[in-house]
Amino acid sequence: MADEVTRYIDKLPPWQSDICRQLRAMIRTTIPTVDEQIQYGKPHFLKNGRHAAVIHAGKNKVSFMLFNAAEVDAVKGVLRSMGNGERKTVDIVEGQDIDYDLLADFLAKASSGL
């Protein structure tokens, strides 16, 4: 695990830090060979040198974005398309129930071609 990603997560408010830790663990389980790094001030996760996911903690939410996600269907209220659909995003707010298994399924499908 990359120390710079750990530092990013550790500096967040407790509720965001907890979500980011769980997302990170889910990513590492789904993509065991994942590389982590901070790019553009956010944790990025790469498979075979290509972007698979990014976590971003905003003021009132945590966003989890998938790359290479054209084949992943958007799910109303859960997963929304960004731009041309190659990226899909989940926005998580404090107190929200999170289905990490569902997010892992989305990630597995999106990253399968990387």
Protein backbone atom coordinates (compact mmCIF):
# COMPACT_ATOMS: atom_id res chain seq x y z
CA MET A 1 0.00 0.00 0.00
CA ALA A 2 1.21 3.48 -0.83
CA ASP A 3 2.01 5.67 2.18
CA GLU A 4 0.79 8.76 0.34
CA VAL A 5 -2.65 7.20 -0.09
CA THR A 6 -2.70 6.27 3.60
CA ARG A 7 -1.85 9.87 4.52
CA TYR A 8 -4.65 11.18 2.27
CA ILE A 9 -7.18 8.91 3.97
CA ASP A 10 -5.91 9.56 7.50
CA LYS A 11 -6.36 13.35 7.12
CA LEU A 12 -10.08 13.07 6.36
CA PRO A 13 -12.97 13.47 8.82
CA PRO A 14 -13.72 10.12 10.51
CA TRP A 15 -16.79 9.21 8.45
CA GLN A 16 -14.97 9.88 5.15
CA SER A 17 -11.83 8.14 6.34
CA ASP A 18 -13.84 5.02 7.23
CA ILE A 19 -15.53 4.91 3.81
CA CYS A 20 -12.21 5.47 2.00
CA ARG A 21 -10.54 2.68 3.97
CA GLN A 22 -13.34 0.30 3.07
CA LEU A 23 -13.26 1.34 -0.59
CA ARG A 24 -9.50 0.87 -0.64
CA ALA A 25 -9.81 -2.61 0.87
CA MET A 26 -12.51 -3.51 -1.65
CA ILE A 27 -10.34 -2.30 -4.52
CA ARG A 28 -7.33 -4.28 -3.27
CA THR A 29 -9.45 -7.43 -2.91
CA THR A 30 -11.03 -7.03 -6.35
CA ILE A 31 -7.72 -6.19 -8.07
CA PRO A 32 -4.99 -7.92 -6.03
CA THR A 33 -2.21 -6.52 -8.25
CA VAL A 34 -3.46 -2.92 -8.04
CA ASP A 35 -0.95 -0.06 -7.87
CA GLU A 36 -1.85 2.99 -5.79
CA GLN A 37 -0.67 6.56 -6.19
CA ILE A 38 -1.76 10.11 -5.62
CA GLN A 39 -2.48 11.92 -8.88
CA TYR A 40 -4.19 15.30 -9.10
CA GLY A 41 -4.38 15.24 -5.29
CA LYS A 42 -6.52 12.07 -5.13
CA PRO A 43 -5.85 8.33 -4.68
CA HIS A 44 -5.78 6.61 -8.05
CA PHE A 45 -5.72 2.84 -8.47
CA LEU A 46 -4.10 1.30 -11.54
CA LYS A 47 -4.18 -2.17 -13.06
CA ASN A 48 -1.43 -3.00 -15.54
CA GLY A 49 -0.49 0.69 -15.61
CA ARG A 50 -4.01 1.80 -16.59
CA HIS A 51 -6.46 3.70 -14.40
CA ALA A 52 -9.10 1.47 -12.82
CA ALA A 53 -10.57 3.71 -10.10
CA VAL A 54 -10.18 6.90 -8.12
CA ILE A 55 -11.43 7.98 -4.71
CA HIS A 56 -12.14 11.63 -3.99
CA ALA A 57 -13.30 13.09 -0.70
CA GLY A 58 -15.28 16.27 -1.26
CA LYS A 59 -16.78 18.62 1.28
CA ASN A 60 -19.90 16.54 1.96
CA LYS A 61 -19.33 13.28 0.08
CA VAL A 62 -16.91 10.62 -1.04
CA SER A 63 -16.86 9.89 -4.76
CA PHE A 64 -15.73 6.58 -6.18
CA MET A 65 -15.08 6.65 -9.92
CA LEU A 66 -14.56 3.71 -12.25
CA PHE A 67 -12.58 4.03 -15.46
CA ASN A 68 -13.02 1.85 -18.56
CA ALA A 69 -16.66 1.46 -17.53
CA ALA A 70 -18.50 1.68 -20.85
CA GLU A 71 -19.76 -1.89 -20.39
CA VAL A 72 -21.02 -1.19 -16.86
CA ASP A 73 -24.63 -0.07 -16.82
CA ALA A 74 -25.55 3.04 -14.87
CA VAL A 75 -27.90 2.36 -11.96
CA LYS A 76 -30.29 5.18 -11.09
CA GLY A 77 -29.50 6.57 -7.65
CA VAL A 78 -26.34 4.47 -7.34
CA LEU A 79 -23.98 4.70 -10.32
CA ARG A 80 -24.05 7.56 -12.81
CA SER A 81 -22.31 8.03 -16.14
CA MET A 82 -19.71 10.72 -16.62
CA GLY A 83 -19.03 12.24 -20.02
CA ASN A 84 -19.22 9.62 -22.75
CA GLY A 85 -19.89 6.76 -20.31
CA GLU A 86 -16.30 5.54 -20.09
CA ARG A 87 -16.36 6.68 -16.47
CA LYS A 88 -19.01 5.92 -13.89
CA THR A 89 -19.27 7.49 -10.43
CA VAL A 90 -20.84 6.67 -7.08
CA ASP A 91 -21.34 9.55 -4.62
CA ILE A 92 -21.53 8.52 -0.96
CA VAL A 93 -22.77 10.79 1.81
CA GLU A 94 -22.46 10.48 5.57
CA GLY A 95 -24.74 7.81 7.05
CA GLN A 96 -25.53 6.18 3.70
CA ASP A 97 -25.64 2.39 3.48
CA ILE A 98 -23.00 1.18 1.04
CA ASP A 99 -23.11 -2.09 -0.85
CA TYR A 100 -19.38 -2.74 -1.21
CA ASP A 101 -20.07 -6.08 -2.91
CA LEU A 102 -22.04 -4.30 -5.63
CA LEU A 103 -19.24 -1.75 -6.05
CA ALA A 104 -16.75 -4.63 -6.28
CA ASP A 105 -18.86 -6.19 -9.04
CA PHE A 106 -18.85 -2.89 -10.95
CA LEU A 107 -15.08 -2.59 -10.50
CA ALA A 108 -14.41 -6.18 -11.55
CA LYS A 109 -16.41 -5.72 -14.74
CA ALA A 110 -14.86 -2.35 -15.58
CA SER A 111 -11.29 -3.47 -14.89
CA SER A 112 -11.52 -6.89 -16.55
CA GLY A 113 -10.19 -5.53 -19.83
CA LEU A 114 -7.24 -3.67 -18.33
